[in-house]
Amino acid sequence: MKAILFDLDGTLIDSSEGITRSAQHALAHFGIDEPDLKKLYFFIGPPLINTFMEHYGFSKEKATEAVAVYRERYHDTGIFECSLYPGVRECIEELKRQGYMIGMASSKPEESCKRILDHFGILGMFDDVVGATFDGKIDTKEEVLNEVMRRWSDIPREEMCLIGDTMFDIEGANQVGVPSIAVSFGFGDVDEMLKAGAKTVVDDLKKLPDVLAELF
């Protein structure tokens, strides 16, 4: 049994509007005005607390408060300010037809991942959904993938493949010894992901089953 693990933001959904508007809301709470949402794209992918600390010099305490303010808006409104990328359903349906286990490995809170997948009517297509925890015990991509390894301990790591759109995905996969494939339509830099060790790049999810058959 082989397993395919999907990242969520930038891989299966374009979540840029909900994330950046919620980040904008959190920054405004601290008197920081950023009207250009595109300048907040760096919030997409990494753990939120790290982003507030690294980009705005927030202390851990202040960053924790910022995350709480962010989530106030995100969980009510921002979570559904997103769209499913073309080919997602067809891709997963074909992979399941071929006998793959289908999982999610996202740095977004697990509860949020499930709500989004359910919103688009595809939650039932996943054998498991693994995401971050609200208490911060599971936060980074590496920690999320380690939880996947714990739950799916019967599947060898070389029989898994992570599909992602940023360096956080590729590096996280490297850290746990799982192969990875990058997508070109997300929020990351394709050349950087290839240099970091992504096996290849796909520009259309409907092509993914054929690419996997060639690589694995």
N, C-alpha and C. Protein backbone atom coordinates (compact mmCIF):
# COMPACT_ATOMS: atom_id res chain seq x y z
N MET A 1 0.85 -1.19 0.00
CA MET A 1 0.00 0.00 0.00
C MET A 1 0.88 1.24 0.00
N LYS A 2 0.67 2.14 -0.97
CA LYS A 2 1.39 3.40 -1.03
C LYS A 2 0.47 4.54 -0.60
N ALA A 3 1.08 5.60 -0.11
CA ALA A 3 0.30 6.71 0.42
C ALA A 3 0.73 8.03 -0.19
N ILE A 4 -0.25 8.84 -0.56
CA ILE A 4 0.01 10.18 -1.07
C ILE A 4 -0.49 11.18 -0.04
N LEU A 5 0.37 12.09 0.35
CA LEU A 5 0.04 13.10 1.34
C LEU A 5 -0.02 14.47 0.65
N PHE A 6 -1.12 15.15 0.83
CA PHE A 6 -1.28 16.48 0.23
C PHE A 6 -1.16 17.57 1.29
N ASP A 7 -0.41 18.61 0.95
CA ASP A 7 -0.51 19.87 1.67
C ASP A 7 -1.86 20.47 1.29
N LEU A 8 -2.32 21.50 2.00
CA LEU A 8 -3.62 22.09 1.69
C LEU A 8 -3.48 23.45 1.01
N ASP A 9 -3.03 24.46 1.74
CA ASP A 9 -2.92 25.81 1.19
C ASP A 9 -1.91 25.87 0.05
N GLY A 10 -2.36 26.31 -1.12
CA GLY A 10 -1.46 26.44 -2.25
C GLY A 10 -1.26 25.15 -3.02
N THR A 11 -1.80 24.06 -2.52
CA THR A 11 -1.67 22.76 -3.20
C THR A 11 -3.02 22.25 -3.66
N LEU A 12 -4.00 22.25 -2.76
CA LEU A 12 -5.36 21.85 -3.12
C LEU A 12 -6.30 23.05 -3.22
N ILE A 13 -6.01 24.09 -2.43
CA ILE A 13 -6.87 25.28 -2.45
C ILE A 13 -6.05 26.55 -2.58
N ASP A 14 -6.65 27.56 -3.21
CA ASP A 14 -6.09 28.91 -3.21
C ASP A 14 -6.72 29.61 -2.01
N SER A 15 -5.97 29.68 -0.94
CA SER A 15 -6.48 30.22 0.32
C SER A 15 -5.94 31.62 0.60
N SER A 16 -5.37 32.25 -0.42
CA SER A 16 -4.67 33.52 -0.20
C SER A 16 -5.56 34.61 0.38
N GLU A 17 -6.80 34.73 -0.08
CA GLU A 17 -7.65 35.81 0.40
C GLU A 17 -7.95 35.68 1.89
N GLY A 18 -8.39 34.49 2.31
CA GLY A 18 -8.74 34.31 3.71
C GLY A 18 -7.58 34.48 4.66
N ILE A 19 -6.41 33.97 4.26
CA ILE A 19 -5.23 34.06 5.11
C ILE A 19 -4.74 35.50 5.21
N THR A 20 -4.61 36.17 4.06
CA THR A 20 -4.06 37.52 4.09
C THR A 20 -5.01 38.53 4.73
N ARG A 21 -6.30 38.37 4.52
CA ARG A 21 -7.25 39.28 5.17
C ARG A 21 -7.26 39.08 6.69
N SER A 22 -7.09 37.85 7.12
CA SER A 22 -7.04 37.57 8.55
C SER A 22 -5.75 38.09 9.16
N ALA A 23 -4.65 37.99 8.40
CA ALA A 23 -3.38 38.55 8.86
C ALA A 23 -3.48 40.07 8.94
N GLN A 24 -4.10 40.66 7.94
CA GLN A 24 -4.31 42.11 7.92
C GLN A 24 -5.10 42.55 9.15
N HIS A 25 -6.12 41.77 9.49
CA HIS A 25 -6.95 42.04 10.67
C HIS A 25 -6.13 41.97 11.96
N ALA A 26 -5.26 40.95 12.06
CA ALA A 26 -4.43 40.80 13.26
C ALA A 26 -3.42 41.93 13.38
N LEU A 27 -2.82 42.32 12.27
CA LEU A 27 -1.84 43.41 12.31
C LEU A 27 -2.49 44.73 12.69
N ALA A 28 -3.72 44.97 12.20
CA ALA A 28 -4.44 46.20 12.53
C ALA A 28 -4.68 46.30 14.03
N HIS A 29 -4.86 45.14 14.67
CA HIS A 29 -5.05 45.10 16.12
C HIS A 29 -3.87 45.73 16.85
N PHE A 30 -2.69 45.66 16.23
CA PHE A 30 -1.47 46.21 16.84
C PHE A 30 -1.06 47.53 16.18
N GLY A 31 -1.98 48.14 15.43
CA GLY A 31 -1.70 49.44 14.82
C GLY A 31 -0.86 49.39 13.56
N ILE A 32 -0.75 48.21 12.96
CA ILE A 32 0.04 48.06 11.74
C ILE A 32 -0.92 47.98 10.55
N ASP A 33 -0.81 48.95 9.65
CA ASP A 33 -1.71 49.02 8.50
C ASP A 33 -1.01 48.50 7.25
N GLU A 34 -1.56 47.47 6.64
CA GLU A 34 -1.02 46.94 5.38
C GLU A 34 -2.17 46.73 4.41
N PRO A 35 -2.42 47.71 3.54
CA PRO A 35 -3.56 47.61 2.61
C PRO A 35 -3.35 46.65 1.45
N ASP A 36 -2.09 46.36 1.13
CA ASP A 36 -1.79 45.48 -0.01
C ASP A 36 -1.72 44.03 0.45
N LEU A 37 -2.74 43.25 0.14
CA LEU A 37 -2.79 41.86 0.60
C LEU A 37 -1.65 41.01 0.02
N LYS A 38 -1.19 41.34 -1.18
CA LYS A 38 -0.11 40.57 -1.79
C LYS A 38 1.18 40.66 -0.99
N LYS A 39 1.33 41.72 -0.23
CA LYS A 39 2.51 41.88 0.61
C LYS A 39 2.45 41.02 1.87
N LEU A 40 1.34 40.31 2.03
CA LEU A 40 1.16 39.44 3.20
C LEU A 40 1.18 37.96 2.81
N TYR A 41 1.59 37.66 1.58
CA TYR A 41 1.61 36.28 1.12
C TYR A 41 2.56 35.40 1.92
N PHE A 42 3.54 36.01 2.60
CA PHE A 42 4.47 35.19 3.39
C PHE A 42 3.80 34.55 4.60
N PHE A 43 2.55 34.93 4.87
CA PHE A 43 1.79 34.26 5.94
C PHE A 43 1.32 32.88 5.51
N ILE A 44 1.34 32.61 4.21
CA ILE A 44 0.82 31.35 3.69
C ILE A 44 1.91 30.29 3.77
N GLY A 45 1.68 29.26 4.56
CA GLY A 45 2.63 28.15 4.64
C GLY A 45 3.20 27.90 6.02
N PRO A 46 4.04 28.82 6.53
CA PRO A 46 4.70 28.54 7.82
C PRO A 46 3.76 28.74 9.01
N PRO A 47 4.13 28.24 10.18
CA PRO A 47 3.34 28.48 11.39
C PRO A 47 3.17 29.98 11.63
N LEU A 48 1.97 30.39 11.98
CA LEU A 48 1.67 31.82 12.15
C LEU A 48 2.54 32.49 13.20
N ILE A 49 2.74 31.83 14.32
CA ILE A 49 3.50 32.45 15.40
C ILE A 49 4.92 32.80 14.94
N ASN A 50 5.51 31.93 14.13
CA ASN A 50 6.85 32.19 13.61
C ASN A 50 6.85 33.40 12.68
N THR A 51 5.82 33.52 11.85
CA THR A 51 5.74 34.63 10.90
C THR A 51 5.63 35.96 11.62
N PHE A 52 4.79 36.04 12.63
CA PHE A 52 4.66 37.30 13.38
C PHE A 52 5.98 37.66 14.08
N MET A 53 6.68 36.68 14.57
CA MET A 53 7.95 36.95 15.26
C MET A 53 9.05 37.35 14.28
N GLU A 54 9.16 36.63 13.17
CA GLU A 54 10.25 36.85 12.24
C GLU A 54 10.07 38.11 11.38
N HIS A 55 8.86 38.40 10.98
CA HIS A 55 8.63 39.53 10.07
C HIS A 55 8.30 40.84 10.79
N TYR A 56 7.82 40.75 12.03
CA TYR A 56 7.43 41.96 12.73
C TYR A 56 8.14 42.15 14.07
N GLY A 57 9.03 41.23 14.40
CA GLY A 57 9.79 41.36 15.64
C GLY A 57 8.96 41.19 16.89
N PHE A 58 7.82 40.53 16.79
CA PHE A 58 6.97 40.32 17.96
C PHE A 58 7.65 39.36 18.93
N SER A 59 7.46 39.59 20.22
CA SER A 59 7.87 38.61 21.22
C SER A 59 6.96 37.41 21.09
N LYS A 60 7.34 36.30 21.72
CA LYS A 60 6.49 35.11 21.65
C LYS A 60 5.12 35.39 22.25
N GLU A 61 5.08 36.15 23.32
CA GLU A 61 3.80 36.48 23.96
C GLU A 61 2.92 37.31 23.04
N LYS A 62 3.53 38.32 22.39
CA LYS A 62 2.78 39.20 21.50
C LYS A 62 2.34 38.42 20.24
N ALA A 63 3.21 37.55 19.75
CA ALA A 63 2.88 36.74 18.57
C ALA A 63 1.74 35.78 18.88
N THR A 64 1.72 35.25 20.10
CA THR A 64 0.63 34.36 20.52
C THR A 64 -0.70 35.10 20.52
N GLU A 65 -0.68 36.34 20.99
CA GLU A 65 -1.88 37.18 20.97
C GLU A 65 -2.30 37.47 19.52
N ALA A 66 -1.32 37.73 18.67
CA ALA A 66 -1.62 38.01 17.26
C ALA A 66 -2.28 36.81 16.59
N VAL A 67 -1.80 35.63 16.90
CA VAL A 67 -2.39 34.40 16.34
C VAL A 67 -3.84 34.27 16.80
N ALA A 68 -4.10 34.59 18.06
CA ALA A 68 -5.46 34.49 18.59
C ALA A 68 -6.40 35.47 17.87
N VAL A 69 -5.91 36.69 17.62
CA VAL A 69 -6.72 37.69 16.90
C VAL A 69 -6.95 37.25 15.46
N TYR A 70 -5.90 36.73 14.85
CA TYR A 70 -6.01 36.20 13.49
C TYR A 70 -7.10 35.14 13.42
N ARG A 71 -7.07 34.21 14.36
CA ARG A 71 -8.01 33.08 14.33
C ARG A 71 -9.44 33.52 14.59
N GLU A 72 -9.63 34.62 15.32
CA GLU A 72 -10.99 35.12 15.55
C GLU A 72 -11.68 35.40 14.22
N ARG A 73 -10.95 36.06 13.32
CA ARG A 73 -11.54 36.36 12.01
C ARG A 73 -11.52 35.15 11.10
N TYR A 74 -10.41 34.42 11.12
CA TYR A 74 -10.26 33.31 10.19
C TYR A 74 -11.32 32.24 10.40
N HIS A 75 -11.57 31.86 11.64
CA HIS A 75 -12.50 30.76 11.90
C HIS A 75 -13.95 31.13 11.58
N ASP A 76 -14.27 32.42 11.65
CA ASP A 76 -15.63 32.86 11.33
C ASP A 76 -15.83 33.14 9.84
N THR A 77 -14.82 33.75 9.22
CA THR A 77 -14.98 34.26 7.85
C THR A 77 -13.91 33.76 6.89
N GLY A 78 -12.66 33.93 7.29
CA GLY A 78 -11.55 33.67 6.38
C GLY A 78 -11.42 32.24 5.91
N ILE A 79 -11.86 31.30 6.73
CA ILE A 79 -11.68 29.89 6.41
C ILE A 79 -12.33 29.51 5.08
N PHE A 80 -13.42 30.19 4.72
CA PHE A 80 -14.11 29.85 3.48
C PHE A 80 -13.84 30.87 2.36
N GLU A 81 -12.92 31.80 2.58
CA GLU A 81 -12.49 32.71 1.53
C GLU A 81 -11.38 32.03 0.73
N CYS A 82 -11.76 30.98 0.03
CA CYS A 82 -10.80 30.17 -0.71
C CYS A 82 -11.51 29.46 -1.85
N SER A 83 -10.72 28.87 -2.73
CA SER A 83 -11.30 28.13 -3.86
C SER A 83 -10.47 26.88 -4.12
N LEU A 84 -11.14 25.84 -4.59
CA LEU A 84 -10.48 24.59 -4.91
C LEU A 84 -9.79 24.72 -6.26
N TYR A 85 -8.53 24.27 -6.33
CA TYR A 85 -7.82 24.34 -7.61
C TYR A 85 -8.45 23.35 -8.61
N PRO A 86 -8.32 23.64 -9.90
CA PRO A 86 -8.84 22.72 -10.92
C PRO A 86 -8.18 21.35 -10.83
N GLY A 87 -8.95 20.31 -11.06
CA GLY A 87 -8.40 18.96 -11.13
C GLY A 87 -8.25 18.22 -9.83
N VAL A 88 -8.58 18.85 -8.70
CA VAL A 88 -8.38 18.21 -7.40
C VAL A 88 -9.20 16.93 -7.28
N ARG A 89 -10.49 17.03 -7.53
CA ARG A 89 -11.35 15.85 -7.40
C ARG A 89 -10.93 14.73 -8.34
N GLU A 90 -10.68 15.09 -9.60
CA GLU A 90 -10.30 14.08 -10.59
C GLU A 90 -9.00 13.38 -10.20
N CYS A 91 -8.05 14.17 -9.70
CA CYS A 91 -6.76 13.61 -9.28
C CYS A 91 -6.93 12.61 -8.15
N ILE A 92 -7.65 12.99 -7.10
CA ILE A 92 -7.80 12.12 -5.94
C ILE A 92 -8.62 10.88 -6.30
N GLU A 93 -9.66 11.07 -7.10
CA GLU A 93 -10.47 9.93 -7.53
C GLU A 93 -9.62 8.90 -8.27
N GLU A 94 -8.73 9.36 -9.15
CA GLU A 94 -7.89 8.45 -9.91
C GLU A 94 -6.87 7.76 -9.01
N LEU A 95 -6.30 8.50 -8.07
CA LEU A 95 -5.33 7.90 -7.14
C LEU A 95 -5.99 6.83 -6.29
N LYS A 96 -7.20 7.10 -5.84
CA LYS A 96 -7.92 6.10 -5.04
C LYS A 96 -8.27 4.88 -5.90
N ARG A 97 -8.62 5.13 -7.16
CA ARG A 97 -8.93 4.02 -8.06
C ARG A 97 -7.71 3.12 -8.24
N GLN A 98 -6.52 3.73 -8.19
CA GLN A 98 -5.28 2.99 -8.35
C GLN A 98 -4.82 2.34 -7.04
N GLY A 99 -5.55 2.58 -5.95
CA GLY A 99 -5.26 1.90 -4.70
C GLY A 99 -4.40 2.65 -3.71
N TYR A 100 -4.14 3.94 -3.95
CA TYR A 100 -3.34 4.72 -3.02
C TYR A 100 -4.14 5.08 -1.77
N MET A 101 -3.46 5.13 -0.62
CA MET A 101 -4.02 5.78 0.56
C MET A 101 -3.89 7.28 0.32
N ILE A 102 -4.87 8.05 0.74
CA ILE A 102 -4.85 9.49 0.55
C ILE A 102 -4.89 10.18 1.90
N GLY A 103 -3.89 11.00 2.18
CA GLY A 103 -3.84 11.71 3.45
C GLY A 103 -3.55 13.18 3.26
N MET A 104 -3.78 13.95 4.31
CA MET A 104 -3.42 15.36 4.30
C MET A 104 -2.39 15.62 5.39
N ALA A 105 -1.39 16.43 5.06
CA ALA A 105 -0.37 16.85 6.03
C ALA A 105 -0.22 18.36 5.89
N SER A 106 -0.88 19.10 6.75
CA SER A 106 -0.93 20.55 6.65
C SER A 106 -0.52 21.21 7.95
N SER A 107 0.13 22.37 7.85
CA SER A 107 0.46 23.15 9.04
C SER A 107 -0.73 23.96 9.54
N LYS A 108 -1.81 23.92 8.80
CA LYS A 108 -3.06 24.56 9.25
C LYS A 108 -3.67 23.65 10.33
N PRO A 109 -4.35 24.21 11.32
CA PRO A 109 -4.98 23.36 12.34
C PRO A 109 -5.84 22.26 11.73
N GLU A 110 -5.75 21.08 12.30
CA GLU A 110 -6.44 19.91 11.75
C GLU A 110 -7.94 20.14 11.63
N GLU A 111 -8.52 20.77 12.64
CA GLU A 111 -9.97 21.04 12.61
C GLU A 111 -10.33 21.92 11.42
N SER A 112 -9.48 22.93 11.13
CA SER A 112 -9.73 23.83 10.01
C SER A 112 -9.63 23.08 8.68
N CYS A 113 -8.64 22.21 8.57
CA CYS A 113 -8.48 21.41 7.36
C CYS A 113 -9.74 20.61 7.07
N LYS A 114 -10.27 19.98 8.09
CA LYS A 114 -11.45 19.14 7.92
C LYS A 114 -12.67 19.98 7.53
N ARG A 115 -12.80 21.16 8.12
CA ARG A 115 -13.92 22.04 7.78
C ARG A 115 -13.86 22.46 6.31
N ILE A 116 -12.65 22.77 5.84
CA ILE A 116 -12.49 23.21 4.45
C ILE A 116 -12.77 22.06 3.49
N LEU A 117 -12.21 20.89 3.77
CA LEU A 117 -12.44 19.74 2.90
C LEU A 117 -13.93 19.38 2.88
N ASP A 118 -14.58 19.47 4.02
CA ASP A 118 -16.01 19.18 4.08
C ASP A 118 -16.81 20.22 3.29
N HIS A 119 -16.37 21.48 3.37
CA HIS A 119 -17.03 22.58 2.65
C HIS A 119 -17.05 22.30 1.15
N PHE A 120 -15.97 21.72 0.64
CA PHE A 120 -15.87 21.42 -0.79
C PHE A 120 -16.34 20.01 -1.14
N GLY A 121 -16.82 19.28 -0.13
CA GLY A 121 -17.39 17.96 -0.37
C GLY A 121 -16.38 16.88 -0.67
N ILE A 122 -15.14 17.03 -0.20
CA ILE A 122 -14.12 16.03 -0.50
C ILE A 122 -13.49 15.42 0.76
N LEU A 123 -14.01 15.75 1.94
CA LEU A 123 -13.44 15.19 3.16
C LEU A 123 -13.46 13.67 3.15
N GLY A 124 -14.53 13.09 2.65
CA GLY A 124 -14.67 11.64 2.63
C GLY A 124 -13.70 10.94 1.71
N MET A 125 -13.00 11.68 0.86
CA MET A 125 -12.03 11.08 -0.05
C MET A 125 -10.68 10.84 0.63
N PHE A 126 -10.51 11.38 1.84
CA PHE A 126 -9.25 11.25 2.56
C PHE A 126 -9.31 10.15 3.61
N ASP A 127 -8.28 9.32 3.63
CA ASP A 127 -8.19 8.27 4.64
C ASP A 127 -7.84 8.83 6.01
N ASP A 128 -7.14 9.96 6.01
CA ASP A 128 -6.82 10.63 7.28
C ASP A 128 -6.43 12.07 6.98
N VAL A 129 -6.67 12.94 7.94
CA VAL A 129 -6.29 14.35 7.82
C VAL A 129 -5.46 14.70 9.04
N VAL A 130 -4.24 15.13 8.80
CA VAL A 130 -3.33 15.48 9.90
C VAL A 130 -2.93 16.94 9.75
N GLY A 131 -3.11 17.69 10.82
CA GLY A 131 -2.75 19.10 10.81
C GLY A 131 -2.16 19.52 12.12
N ALA A 132 -1.95 20.81 12.27
CA ALA A 132 -1.40 21.36 13.50
C ALA A 132 -2.45 21.28 14.61
N THR A 133 -1.98 21.45 15.85
CA THR A 133 -2.88 21.49 17.00
C THR A 133 -2.92 22.91 17.55
N PHE A 134 -4.05 23.29 18.12
CA PHE A 134 -4.19 24.64 18.63
C PHE A 134 -3.27 24.93 19.81
N ASP A 135 -2.83 23.89 20.52
CA ASP A 135 -1.96 24.11 21.68
C ASP A 135 -0.49 24.25 21.29
N GLY A 136 -0.18 24.14 19.99
CA GLY A 136 1.19 24.33 19.53
C GLY A 136 2.08 23.12 19.64
N LYS A 137 1.57 21.99 20.16
CA LYS A 137 2.40 20.80 20.29
C LYS A 137 2.79 20.24 18.93
N ILE A 138 1.89 20.38 17.95
CA ILE A 138 2.19 20.02 16.56
C ILE A 138 1.99 21.30 15.76
N ASP A 139 3.07 21.81 15.14
CA ASP A 139 3.00 23.12 14.51
C ASP A 139 3.71 23.16 13.16
N THR A 140 4.97 22.71 13.13
CA THR A 140 5.75 22.76 11.90
C THR A 140 5.39 21.60 10.98
N LYS A 141 5.82 21.72 9.72
CA LYS A 141 5.55 20.64 8.76
C LYS A 141 6.21 19.35 9.22
N GLU A 142 7.42 19.44 9.76
CA GLU A 142 8.10 18.23 10.24
C GLU A 142 7.29 17.57 11.35
N GLU A 143 6.77 18.36 12.29
CA GLU A 143 5.97 17.79 13.38
C GLU A 143 4.68 17.16 12.86
N VAL A 144 4.06 17.81 11.87
CA VAL A 144 2.85 17.25 11.26
C VAL A 144 3.17 15.91 10.60
N LEU A 145 4.27 15.87 9.85
CA LEU A 145 4.64 14.63 9.16
C LEU A 145 5.03 13.53 10.15
N ASN A 146 5.63 13.89 11.25
CA ASN A 146 5.95 12.89 12.26
C ASN A 146 4.67 12.27 12.84
N GLU A 147 3.63 13.09 12.96
CA GLU A 147 2.35 12.57 13.43
C GLU A 147 1.74 11.63 12.38
N VAL A 148 1.93 11.98 11.09
CA VAL A 148 1.48 11.07 10.03
C VAL A 148 2.21 9.74 10.16
N MET A 149 3.53 9.79 10.37
CA MET A 149 4.31 8.56 10.50
C MET A 149 3.84 7.72 11.69
N ARG A 150 3.43 8.40 12.76
CA ARG A 150 2.94 7.67 13.94
C ARG A 150 1.62 6.96 13.61
N ARG A 151 0.72 7.67 12.92
CA ARG A 151 -0.59 7.09 12.61
C ARG A 151 -0.49 6.01 11.54
N TRP A 152 0.40 6.21 10.58
CA TRP A 152 0.55 5.28 9.47
C TRP A 152 1.88 4.54 9.56
N SER A 153 2.17 4.04 10.73
CA SER A 153 3.47 3.40 10.98
C SER A 153 3.67 2.12 10.18
N ASP A 154 2.58 1.58 9.64
CA ASP A 154 2.70 0.34 8.87
C ASP A 154 3.10 0.59 7.42
N ILE A 155 3.17 1.85 7.01
CA ILE A 155 3.55 2.18 5.63
C ILE A 155 4.99 2.70 5.62
N PRO A 156 5.90 2.06 4.90
CA PRO A 156 7.29 2.53 4.83
C PRO A 156 7.35 3.96 4.28
N ARG A 157 8.27 4.75 4.79
CA ARG A 157 8.36 6.15 4.36
C ARG A 157 8.67 6.30 2.88
N GLU A 158 9.44 5.35 2.34
CA GLU A 158 9.75 5.43 0.92
C GLU A 158 8.54 5.10 0.05
N GLU A 159 7.47 4.60 0.67
CA GLU A 159 6.24 4.30 -0.05
C GLU A 159 5.23 5.45 0.07
N MET A 160 5.68 6.56 0.67
CA MET A 160 4.84 7.75 0.79
C MET A 160 5.40 8.84 -0.13
N CYS A 161 4.57 9.82 -0.46
CA CYS A 161 5.03 10.98 -1.22
C CYS A 161 4.20 12.19 -0.79
N LEU A 162 4.89 13.27 -0.46
CA LEU A 162 4.21 14.51 -0.09
C LEU A 162 4.12 15.43 -1.30
N ILE A 163 2.93 15.96 -1.54
CA ILE A 163 2.70 16.92 -2.62
C ILE A 163 2.52 18.30 -1.97
N GLY A 164 3.40 19.24 -2.31
CA GLY A 164 3.33 20.55 -1.68
C GLY A 164 3.73 21.67 -2.61
N ASP A 165 3.61 22.90 -2.09
CA ASP A 165 3.86 24.07 -2.96
C ASP A 165 4.92 25.02 -2.42
N THR A 166 5.53 24.72 -1.27
CA THR A 166 6.54 25.63 -0.73
C THR A 166 7.75 24.86 -0.19
N MET A 167 8.79 25.61 0.12
CA MET A 167 9.99 25.03 0.70
C MET A 167 9.69 24.36 2.04
N PHE A 168 8.69 24.86 2.75
CA PHE A 168 8.34 24.26 4.04
C PHE A 168 7.89 22.81 3.84
N ASP A 169 7.22 22.55 2.73
CA ASP A 169 6.78 21.19 2.43
C ASP A 169 7.97 20.30 2.06
N ILE A 170 8.79 20.78 1.15
CA ILE A 170 9.92 19.98 0.68
C ILE A 170 10.92 19.72 1.81
N GLU A 171 11.24 20.74 2.57
CA GLU A 171 12.18 20.57 3.67
C GLU A 171 11.60 19.67 4.76
N GLY A 172 10.32 19.82 5.03
CA GLY A 172 9.68 18.95 6.03
C GLY A 172 9.73 17.50 5.60
N ALA A 173 9.47 17.24 4.32
CA ALA A 173 9.54 15.88 3.81
C ALA A 173 10.97 15.33 3.91
N ASN A 174 11.95 16.19 3.60
CA ASN A 174 13.34 15.77 3.72
C ASN A 174 13.68 15.37 5.15
N GLN A 175 13.16 16.13 6.10
CA GLN A 175 13.49 15.91 7.51
C GLN A 175 12.96 14.58 8.03
N VAL A 176 11.91 14.06 7.42
CA VAL A 176 11.36 12.78 7.88
C VAL A 176 11.63 11.65 6.90
N GLY A 177 12.38 11.94 5.84
CA GLY A 177 12.76 10.89 4.90
C GLY A 177 11.66 10.44 3.97
N VAL A 178 10.81 11.40 3.54
CA VAL A 178 9.71 11.09 2.63
C VAL A 178 9.95 11.81 1.30
N PRO A 179 9.78 11.14 0.16
CA PRO A 179 9.92 11.81 -1.13
C PRO A 179 8.86 12.91 -1.29
N SER A 180 9.14 13.89 -2.14
CA SER A 180 8.18 14.98 -2.34
C SER A 180 8.11 15.39 -3.79
N ILE A 181 6.97 15.95 -4.15
CA ILE A 181 6.74 16.52 -5.48
C ILE A 181 6.18 17.92 -5.28
N ALA A 182 6.66 18.88 -6.06
CA ALA A 182 6.19 20.25 -5.96
C ALA A 182 5.13 20.55 -7.02
N VAL A 183 4.23 21.47 -6.68
CA VAL A 183 3.29 21.98 -7.68
C VAL A 183 3.72 23.41 -8.03
N SER A 184 3.46 23.80 -9.27
CA SER A 184 3.94 25.10 -9.75
C SER A 184 2.96 26.23 -9.54
N PHE A 185 1.71 25.91 -9.17
CA PHE A 185 0.66 26.93 -9.14
C PHE A 185 0.39 27.48 -7.75
N GLY A 186 1.20 27.09 -6.77
CA GLY A 186 0.98 27.55 -5.40
C GLY A 186 1.72 28.83 -5.08
N PHE A 187 2.31 28.88 -3.88
CA PHE A 187 2.91 30.12 -3.41
C PHE A 187 4.43 30.06 -3.26
N GLY A 188 5.04 28.93 -3.63
CA GLY A 188 6.47 28.78 -3.46
C GLY A 188 7.25 29.01 -4.75
N ASP A 189 8.58 28.96 -4.62
CA ASP A 189 9.49 29.13 -5.75
C ASP A 189 9.87 27.75 -6.28
N VAL A 190 9.54 27.47 -7.53
CA VAL A 190 9.76 26.15 -8.12
C VAL A 190 11.23 25.77 -8.11
N ASP A 191 12.10 26.68 -8.53
CA ASP A 191 13.54 26.39 -8.58
C ASP A 191 14.09 26.05 -7.20
N GLU A 192 13.65 26.78 -6.19
CA GLU A 192 14.11 26.51 -4.82
C GLU A 192 13.65 25.13 -4.37
N MET A 193 12.44 24.76 -4.72
CA MET A 193 11.91 23.46 -4.29
C MET A 193 12.65 22.32 -4.98
N LEU A 194 12.99 22.50 -6.24
CA LEU A 194 13.76 21.48 -6.94
C LEU A 194 15.16 21.35 -6.35
N LYS A 195 15.79 22.48 -6.06
CA LYS A 195 17.13 22.45 -5.46
C LYS A 195 17.11 21.80 -4.08
N ALA A 196 15.97 21.95 -3.40
CA ALA A 196 15.84 21.38 -2.05
C ALA A 196 15.58 19.88 -2.07
N GLY A 197 15.25 19.34 -3.25
CA GLY A 197 15.10 17.89 -3.32
C GLY A 197 13.77 17.37 -3.82
N ALA A 198 12.86 18.27 -4.26
CA ALA A 198 11.60 17.78 -4.83
C ALA A 198 11.92 16.92 -6.05
N LYS A 199 11.24 15.79 -6.18
CA LYS A 199 11.52 14.86 -7.28
C LYS A 199 11.22 15.47 -8.63
N THR A 200 10.14 16.24 -8.71
CA THR A 200 9.75 16.89 -9.96
C THR A 200 8.70 17.94 -9.63
N VAL A 201 8.19 18.59 -10.67
CA VAL A 201 7.16 19.62 -10.51
C VAL A 201 5.99 19.28 -11.43
N VAL A 202 4.78 19.44 -10.91
CA VAL A 202 3.59 19.26 -11.75
C VAL A 202 2.85 20.59 -11.82
N ASP A 203 2.31 20.90 -13.00
CA ASP A 203 1.57 22.14 -13.18
C ASP A 203 0.08 21.92 -13.32
N ASP A 204 -0.34 20.67 -13.20
CA ASP A 204 -1.76 20.32 -13.31
C ASP A 204 -1.97 19.05 -12.49
N LEU A 205 -2.82 19.12 -11.48
CA LEU A 205 -3.03 17.97 -10.61
C LEU A 205 -3.56 16.75 -11.34
N LYS A 206 -4.25 16.97 -12.44
CA LYS A 206 -4.77 15.82 -13.20
C LYS A 206 -3.63 14.98 -13.80
N LYS A 207 -2.44 15.57 -13.89
CA LYS A 207 -1.27 14.84 -14.41
C LYS A 207 -0.54 14.06 -13.32
N LEU A 208 -0.87 14.34 -12.05
CA LEU A 208 -0.14 13.75 -10.94
C LEU A 208 -0.14 12.22 -10.93
N PRO A 209 -1.27 11.54 -11.15
CA PRO A 209 -1.24 10.07 -11.14
C PRO A 209 -0.22 9.49 -12.13
N ASP A 210 -0.11 10.07 -13.32
CA ASP A 210 0.86 9.57 -14.31
C ASP A 210 2.28 9.84 -13.86
N VAL A 211 2.50 11.02 -13.25
CA VAL A 211 3.84 11.36 -12.76
C VAL A 211 4.26 10.41 -11.66
N LEU A 212 3.34 10.10 -10.75
CA LEU A 212 3.64 9.17 -9.66
C LEU A 212 3.95 7.77 -10.20
N ALA A 213 3.22 7.35 -11.22
CA ALA A 213 3.46 6.03 -11.80
C ALA A 213 4.86 5.93 -12.40
N GLU A 214 5.34 7.04 -12.96
CA GLU A 214 6.68 7.05 -13.55
C GLU A 214 7.77 7.08 -12.49
N LEU A 215 7.53 7.80 -11.41
CA LEU A 215 8.56 7.99 -10.38
C LEU A 215 8.62 6.85 -9.38
N PHE A 216 7.46 6.26 -9.07
CA PHE A 216 7.41 5.28 -7.99
C PHE A 216 6.88 3.93 -8.46
